[in-house]
């Protein structure tokens, strides 16, 4: 939602002569993919591994080997396909990185305790947790 609001404030057209329905600055794809890649990176580095996953360093490294190239390719694809300029992609990546760092900080500063309580409640009320 924040990216959509920024697009409407800046109102920078996309590259090329075609008139598109939405503005180009910042790239929503770049913002979203960078957000998830950054959040996964921070989680892999700083949070405990969920008990349902193997408790090895490979578990942490494998996720990074998947998400970092994935996010990079999505951002670059927007440039290659001519949907965005390098500046629009760069601003999108910067916003995604910033939002991910902000939400990760909020999560580790206490919001995760609500997540643990919600998971415990869900397990006690569902067939999956038994």
Protein backbone atom coordinates (compact mmCIF):
# COMPACT_ATOMS: atom_id res chain seq x y z
CA UNK A 1 0.00 0.00 0.00
CA UNK A 2 2.84 2.37 0.82
CA UNK A 3 4.33 1.93 -2.66
CA UNK A 4 1.00 2.66 -4.29
CA UNK A 5 0.72 5.88 -2.28
CA UNK A 6 4.27 6.92 -3.21
CA UNK A 7 3.48 6.25 -6.89
CA UNK A 8 0.47 8.56 -6.71
CA UNK A 9 2.52 11.27 -5.01
CA UNK A 10 5.48 11.17 -7.41
CA UNK A 11 3.50 10.42 -10.61
CA UNK A 12 6.55 9.51 -12.67
CA UNK A 13 5.71 7.81 -15.94
CA UNK A 14 7.12 4.48 -16.94
CA UNK A 15 9.72 4.30 -19.72
CA UNK A 16 8.65 4.06 -23.35
CA UNK A 17 5.89 5.65 -25.34
CA UNK A 18 3.05 3.41 -24.18
CA UNK A 19 0.61 4.91 -21.70
CA UNK A 20 0.17 2.49 -18.82
CA UNK A 21 -2.48 2.45 -16.11
CA UNK A 22 -0.04 2.94 -13.24
CA UNK A 23 2.96 5.15 -12.62
CA UNK A 24 6.48 3.73 -12.56
CA UNK A 25 8.19 5.29 -9.54
CA UNK A 26 8.91 3.19 -7.50
CA UNK A 27 8.80 -0.34 -8.91
CA UNK A 28 6.32 -2.39 -6.89
CA UNK A 29 7.88 -5.68 -8.02
CA UNK A 30 11.33 -4.51 -6.89
CA UNK A 31 9.98 -3.28 -3.57
CA UNK A 32 8.13 -6.50 -2.81
CA UNK A 33 10.86 -8.92 -3.85
CA UNK A 34 13.53 -6.95 -1.96
CA UNK A 35 11.28 -6.78 1.10
CA UNK A 36 10.87 -10.57 1.23
CA UNK A 37 14.51 -11.29 0.43
CA UNK A 38 15.71 -8.90 3.14
CA UNK A 39 13.25 -10.18 5.73
CA UNK A 40 14.20 -13.80 4.99
CA UNK A 41 17.90 -12.86 5.16
CA UNK A 42 17.42 -11.20 8.57
CA UNK A 43 15.34 -14.10 9.86
CA UNK A 44 17.89 -16.66 8.66
CA UNK A 45 20.70 -14.77 10.35
CA UNK A 46 19.08 -13.75 13.63
CA UNK A 47 16.05 -15.90 14.47
CA UNK A 48 16.02 -19.49 15.71
CA UNK A 49 15.22 -22.16 13.15
CA UNK A 50 11.65 -23.46 13.44
CA UNK A 51 11.55 -26.89 15.09
CA UNK A 52 9.92 -28.46 12.03
CA UNK A 53 13.06 -27.77 9.94
CA UNK A 54 16.48 -29.44 10.15
CA UNK A 55 18.60 -27.66 12.75
CA UNK A 56 21.70 -27.17 10.58
CA UNK A 57 23.56 -24.23 9.10
CA UNK A 58 22.57 -25.56 5.67
CA UNK A 59 18.96 -24.68 6.49
CA UNK A 60 19.97 -21.05 6.96
CA UNK A 61 22.29 -20.87 3.94
CA UNK A 62 19.93 -22.65 1.53
CA UNK A 63 17.18 -20.08 2.01
CA UNK A 64 19.64 -17.28 1.22
CA UNK A 65 20.92 -19.05 -1.89
CA UNK A 66 17.34 -19.16 -3.14
CA UNK A 67 15.90 -15.75 -2.20
CA UNK A 68 18.79 -13.43 -3.02
CA UNK A 69 19.14 -14.45 -6.71
CA UNK A 70 15.33 -14.63 -6.96
CA UNK A 71 14.87 -11.04 -5.78
CA UNK A 72 17.73 -9.81 -7.96
CA UNK A 73 16.27 -11.44 -11.07
CA UNK A 74 12.81 -9.99 -10.41
CA UNK A 75 14.21 -6.48 -10.03
CA UNK A 76 16.41 -6.77 -13.11
CA UNK A 77 13.58 -8.28 -15.16
CA UNK A 78 11.63 -5.04 -14.74
CA UNK A 79 14.50 -3.19 -16.43
CA UNK A 80 15.04 -5.83 -19.14
CA UNK A 81 11.32 -5.88 -20.00
CA UNK A 82 11.25 -2.08 -20.22
CA UNK A 83 8.65 -1.65 -17.47
CA UNK A 84 10.87 0.53 -15.27
CA UNK A 85 14.00 2.66 -15.32
CA UNK A 86 17.06 1.89 -13.21
CA UNK A 87 16.12 4.75 -10.87
CA UNK A 88 12.60 3.35 -10.37
CA UNK A 89 14.01 -0.08 -9.58
CA UNK A 90 16.64 1.35 -7.24
CA UNK A 91 14.07 3.34 -5.28
CA UNK A 92 11.83 0.25 -5.11
CA UNK A 93 14.68 -1.89 -3.77
CA UNK A 94 15.57 0.79 -1.22
CA UNK A 95 11.97 1.00 0.02
CA UNK A 96 11.72 -2.80 0.23
CA UNK A 97 14.96 -3.00 2.20
CA UNK A 98 13.88 -0.22 4.55
CA UNK A 99 10.41 -1.65 5.22
CA UNK A 100 11.86 -5.13 5.84
CA UNK A 101 14.38 -3.79 8.36
CA UNK A 102 11.65 -1.78 10.08
CA UNK A 103 9.21 -4.72 10.35
CA UNK A 104 11.95 -7.11 11.43
CA UNK A 105 12.96 -4.70 14.20
CA UNK A 106 9.31 -4.38 15.29
CA UNK A 107 8.95 -8.18 15.25
CA UNK A 108 12.01 -8.91 17.37
CA UNK A 109 11.15 -6.04 19.72
CA UNK A 110 8.10 -7.85 21.07
CA UNK A 111 5.55 -8.46 18.35
CA UNK A 112 6.85 -12.04 18.02
CA UNK A 113 5.46 -12.86 21.46
CA UNK A 114 1.97 -12.36 20.04
CA UNK A 115 2.92 -14.70 17.19
CA UNK A 116 3.99 -17.42 19.63
CA UNK A 117 0.72 -17.07 21.54
CA UNK A 118 -1.28 -17.20 18.30
CA UNK A 119 0.58 -20.34 17.16
CA UNK A 120 0.00 -22.03 20.52
CA UNK A 121 -3.68 -21.12 20.38
CA UNK A 122 -3.97 -22.41 16.82
CA UNK A 123 -2.29 -25.70 17.74
CA UNK A 124 -4.57 -26.25 20.71
CA UNK A 125 -7.67 -25.70 18.53
CA UNK A 126 -6.70 -27.53 15.37
CA UNK A 127 -6.26 -31.13 14.29
CA UNK A 128 -2.87 -30.26 12.79
CA UNK A 129 -1.30 -29.47 16.13
CA UNK A 130 -2.24 -32.79 17.74
